[in-house]
């Protein structure tokens, strides 16, 4: 807890007016709507079979939905670890942007889990090193913004990333198995 607080206060303590605005927008899901549209377009382009596209998009929904539910619906209410913005020992030490303090509990980060699930699953399916680098930069920036805003400790972020990665790998595994079966069935049906 001391190391988590020390790192959080160091990140959160290096603030400026322009960074407050930037990190506020980085942390907002609405900011990333064009990216999500681009990812959907890339899936449609890469997988022209509509059945595969719908299954892959459902896979994204499942990976992100399970990541979010695991963090927010299961772990946060069980662990009840206060966010830095709600921790009495840190009162007056955490820089708060736009009065935003988040919900009461922060372990573990749904933002980290959800962005990792989305970014890693896309990277494994699309297999493009530039897209992967860009998506992992997006994940890292999003995670950094949560610590910058003072609503998550680094430990919250790390566990969230692990949960998102787990669901991305599980959904990727299921999707690749299903797509192989479909491809074999299509070849056999066409012969």
Protein backbone atom coordinates (compact mmCIF):
# COMPACT_ATOMS: atom_id res chain seq x y z
CA UNK A 1 0.00 0.00 0.00
CA UNK A 2 2.85 2.43 0.78
CA UNK A 3 4.55 1.79 -2.58
CA UNK A 4 1.19 2.08 -4.37
CA UNK A 5 0.51 5.42 -2.63
CA UNK A 6 4.02 6.72 -3.28
CA UNK A 7 3.89 5.97 -7.01
CA UNK A 8 0.34 7.30 -7.29
CA UNK A 9 1.23 10.57 -5.53
CA UNK A 10 4.30 11.01 -7.74
CA UNK A 11 2.26 10.55 -10.95
CA UNK A 12 -0.68 12.59 -9.67
CA UNK A 13 1.61 15.28 -8.26
CA UNK A 14 3.13 16.10 -11.66
CA UNK A 15 0.15 18.02 -12.97
CA UNK A 16 -0.43 21.10 -15.05
CA UNK A 17 -3.42 22.92 -16.47
CA UNK A 18 -2.95 21.55 -19.99
CA UNK A 19 -2.35 18.02 -18.71
CA UNK A 20 -5.53 18.22 -16.60
CA UNK A 21 -7.53 18.92 -19.76
CA UNK A 22 -5.73 16.25 -21.79
CA UNK A 23 -5.99 13.50 -19.15
CA UNK A 24 -9.64 14.35 -18.52
CA UNK A 25 -10.39 13.72 -22.19
CA UNK A 26 -8.11 10.68 -22.43
CA UNK A 27 -10.06 9.08 -19.59
CA UNK A 28 -13.45 9.70 -21.20
CA UNK A 29 -14.96 6.82 -23.21
CA UNK A 30 -16.62 9.33 -25.58
CA UNK A 31 -13.19 10.55 -26.71
CA UNK A 32 -12.44 7.12 -28.13
CA UNK A 33 -15.65 6.59 -30.16
CA UNK A 34 -13.80 7.27 -33.46
CA UNK A 35 -11.21 4.63 -32.48
CA UNK A 36 -13.96 2.10 -31.78
CA UNK A 37 -15.55 2.89 -35.16
CA UNK A 38 -12.16 2.42 -36.83
CA UNK A 39 -11.70 -0.96 -35.09
CA UNK A 40 -15.15 -2.11 -36.24
CA UNK A 41 -14.29 -0.99 -39.78
CA UNK A 42 -10.99 -2.87 -39.64
CA UNK A 43 -12.77 -6.05 -38.53
CA UNK A 44 -15.27 -5.69 -41.39
CA UNK A 45 -12.43 -5.11 -43.86
CA UNK A 46 -10.31 -8.01 -42.60
CA UNK A 47 -13.14 -10.52 -42.22
CA UNK A 48 -15.57 -9.98 -45.14
CA UNK A 49 -17.77 -12.92 -44.05
CA UNK A 50 -20.63 -11.27 -42.11
CA UNK A 51 -21.11 -14.29 -39.88
CA UNK A 52 -17.46 -14.05 -38.79
CA UNK A 53 -17.72 -10.26 -38.36
CA UNK A 54 -20.76 -10.56 -36.11
CA UNK A 55 -19.13 -13.32 -34.07
CA UNK A 56 -15.92 -11.28 -33.67
CA UNK A 57 -17.83 -8.16 -32.64
CA UNK A 58 -19.82 -10.27 -30.16
CA UNK A 59 -16.47 -11.58 -28.90
CA UNK A 60 -15.33 -8.01 -28.23
CA UNK A 61 -18.56 -7.38 -26.35
CA UNK A 62 -18.06 -10.52 -24.29
CA UNK A 63 -14.39 -9.79 -23.48
CA UNK A 64 -15.05 -6.17 -22.49
CA UNK A 65 -18.31 -7.02 -20.71
CA UNK A 66 -16.70 -9.78 -18.64
CA UNK A 67 -13.72 -7.55 -17.84
CA UNK A 68 -16.00 -4.76 -16.67
CA UNK A 69 -18.26 -7.09 -14.67
CA UNK A 70 -15.31 -8.84 -13.02
CA UNK A 71 -13.79 -5.54 -11.90
CA UNK A 72 -16.85 -3.45 -11.08
CA UNK A 73 -19.47 -6.05 -10.30
CA UNK A 74 -17.39 -8.67 -8.51
CA UNK A 75 -14.00 -7.51 -7.21
CA UNK A 76 -14.69 -3.89 -6.18
CA UNK A 77 -17.61 -4.79 -3.87
CA UNK A 78 -15.66 -7.73 -2.40
CA UNK A 79 -12.34 -5.96 -1.79
CA UNK A 80 -13.74 -2.50 -0.89
CA UNK A 81 -10.40 -0.74 -1.38
CA UNK A 82 -10.95 3.01 -1.31
CA UNK A 83 -9.86 5.04 -4.30
CA UNK A 84 -7.00 7.44 -3.61
CA UNK A 85 -9.50 10.31 -3.87
CA UNK A 86 -11.53 8.76 -1.03
CA UNK A 87 -8.64 7.55 1.16
CA UNK A 88 -8.62 9.57 4.41
CA UNK A 89 -4.82 9.23 4.74
CA UNK A 90 -4.38 10.94 1.35
CA UNK A 91 -6.89 13.77 1.80
CA UNK A 92 -5.43 17.04 0.60
CA UNK A 93 -2.54 15.24 -1.12
CA UNK A 94 -4.33 14.00 -4.26
CA UNK A 95 -4.77 16.49 -7.09
CA UNK A 96 -8.43 16.27 -8.19
CA UNK A 97 -9.46 17.37 -11.69
CA UNK A 98 -12.91 18.92 -12.30
CA UNK A 99 -14.12 17.68 -8.92
CA UNK A 100 -14.02 14.08 -10.21
CA UNK A 101 -13.36 11.53 -7.49
CA UNK A 102 -14.90 8.39 -9.02
CA UNK A 103 -16.92 5.84 -7.11
CA UNK A 104 -15.97 4.87 -3.58
CA UNK A 105 -13.89 1.80 -4.49
CA UNK A 106 -11.15 1.49 -7.08
CA UNK A 107 -9.65 -1.99 -6.91
CA UNK A 108 -9.40 -2.99 -9.66
CA UNK A 109 -9.52 -0.64 -12.65
CA UNK A 110 -12.30 -1.30 -15.13
CA UNK A 111 -10.73 1.24 -17.52
CA UNK A 112 -7.51 -0.79 -17.55
CA UNK A 113 -9.33 -4.10 -17.92
CA UNK A 114 -11.69 -2.92 -20.65
CA UNK A 115 -9.08 -1.18 -22.78
CA UNK A 116 -6.68 -4.12 -22.45
CA UNK A 117 -9.40 -6.62 -23.39
CA UNK A 118 -10.29 -4.58 -26.48
CA UNK A 119 -6.74 -3.70 -27.53
CA UNK A 120 -5.20 -7.12 -26.99
CA UNK A 121 -8.07 -9.03 -28.60
CA UNK A 122 -7.92 -6.81 -31.69
CA UNK A 123 -4.13 -7.16 -31.82
CA UNK A 124 -4.28 -10.94 -31.67
CA UNK A 125 -6.96 -11.12 -34.36
CA UNK A 126 -5.56 -8.48 -36.72
CA UNK A 127 -1.86 -9.40 -36.35
CA UNK A 128 -0.38 -6.06 -37.39
CA UNK A 129 2.60 -4.75 -35.43
CA UNK A 130 1.74 -1.08 -36.07
CA UNK A 131 -1.86 -1.52 -34.97
CA UNK A 132 -0.68 -3.46 -31.93
CA UNK A 133 1.82 -0.73 -30.97
CA UNK A 134 -0.85 1.96 -31.38
CA UNK A 135 -3.41 0.03 -29.34
CA UNK A 136 -0.97 -0.74 -26.54
CA UNK A 137 -0.04 2.96 -26.46
CA UNK A 138 -3.78 3.72 -26.17
CA UNK A 139 -4.08 1.25 -23.27
CA UNK A 140 -1.02 2.73 -21.53
CA UNK A 141 -2.24 6.32 -21.98
CA UNK A 142 -5.68 5.42 -20.68
CA UNK A 143 -4.17 3.71 -17.63
CA UNK A 144 -1.84 6.61 -16.97
CA UNK A 145 -4.79 9.03 -17.13
CA UNK A 146 -6.56 7.11 -14.34
CA UNK A 147 -3.55 7.51 -12.04
CA UNK A 148 -3.02 11.10 -13.12
CA UNK A 149 -6.64 11.86 -12.18
CA UNK A 150 -6.01 10.23 -8.79
CA UNK A 151 -8.76 7.65 -9.05
CA UNK A 152 -6.59 4.51 -9.24
CA UNK A 153 -3.44 3.22 -7.59
CA UNK A 154 -0.87 1.48 -9.83
CA UNK A 155 -1.90 -1.86 -8.28
CA UNK A 156 -5.51 -1.25 -9.37
CA UNK A 157 -4.23 -0.70 -12.91
CA UNK A 158 -1.95 -3.76 -12.97
CA UNK A 159 -4.69 -6.13 -11.80
CA UNK A 160 -7.15 -4.57 -14.25
CA UNK A 161 -4.67 -5.12 -17.10
CA UNK A 162 -4.26 -8.77 -16.08
CA UNK A 163 -8.03 -9.33 -16.02
CA UNK A 164 -8.48 -7.68 -19.42
CA UNK A 165 -5.63 -9.73 -20.89
CA UNK A 166 -7.11 -12.95 -19.50
CA UNK A 167 -10.51 -12.35 -21.10
CA UNK A 168 -8.91 -11.22 -24.38
CA UNK A 169 -6.91 -14.45 -24.59
CA UNK A 170 -9.89 -16.65 -23.68
CA UNK A 171 -12.17 -14.98 -26.24
CA UNK A 172 -9.41 -15.05 -28.87
CA UNK A 173 -8.93 -18.77 -28.25
CA UNK A 174 -12.67 -19.45 -28.62
CA UNK A 175 -12.96 -17.27 -31.73
CA UNK A 176 -10.00 -18.83 -33.52
CA UNK A 177 -11.34 -22.32 -32.82
CA UNK A 178 -14.77 -21.38 -34.15
CA UNK A 179 -13.38 -19.61 -37.23
CA UNK A 180 -11.25 -22.67 -38.08
CA UNK A 181 -14.28 -24.96 -37.79
CA UNK A 182 -16.31 -22.61 -39.99
CA UNK A 183 -13.53 -22.45 -42.60
CA UNK A 184 -13.28 -26.25 -42.74
CA UNK A 185 -17.07 -26.59 -42.97
CA UNK A 186 -17.18 -24.01 -45.78
CA UNK A 187 -14.45 -25.84 -47.73
CA UNK A 188 -16.19 -29.20 -47.28
CA UNK A 189 -19.56 -27.74 -48.26
CA UNK A 190 -18.05 -26.17 -51.38
CA UNK A 191 -16.34 -29.38 -52.60
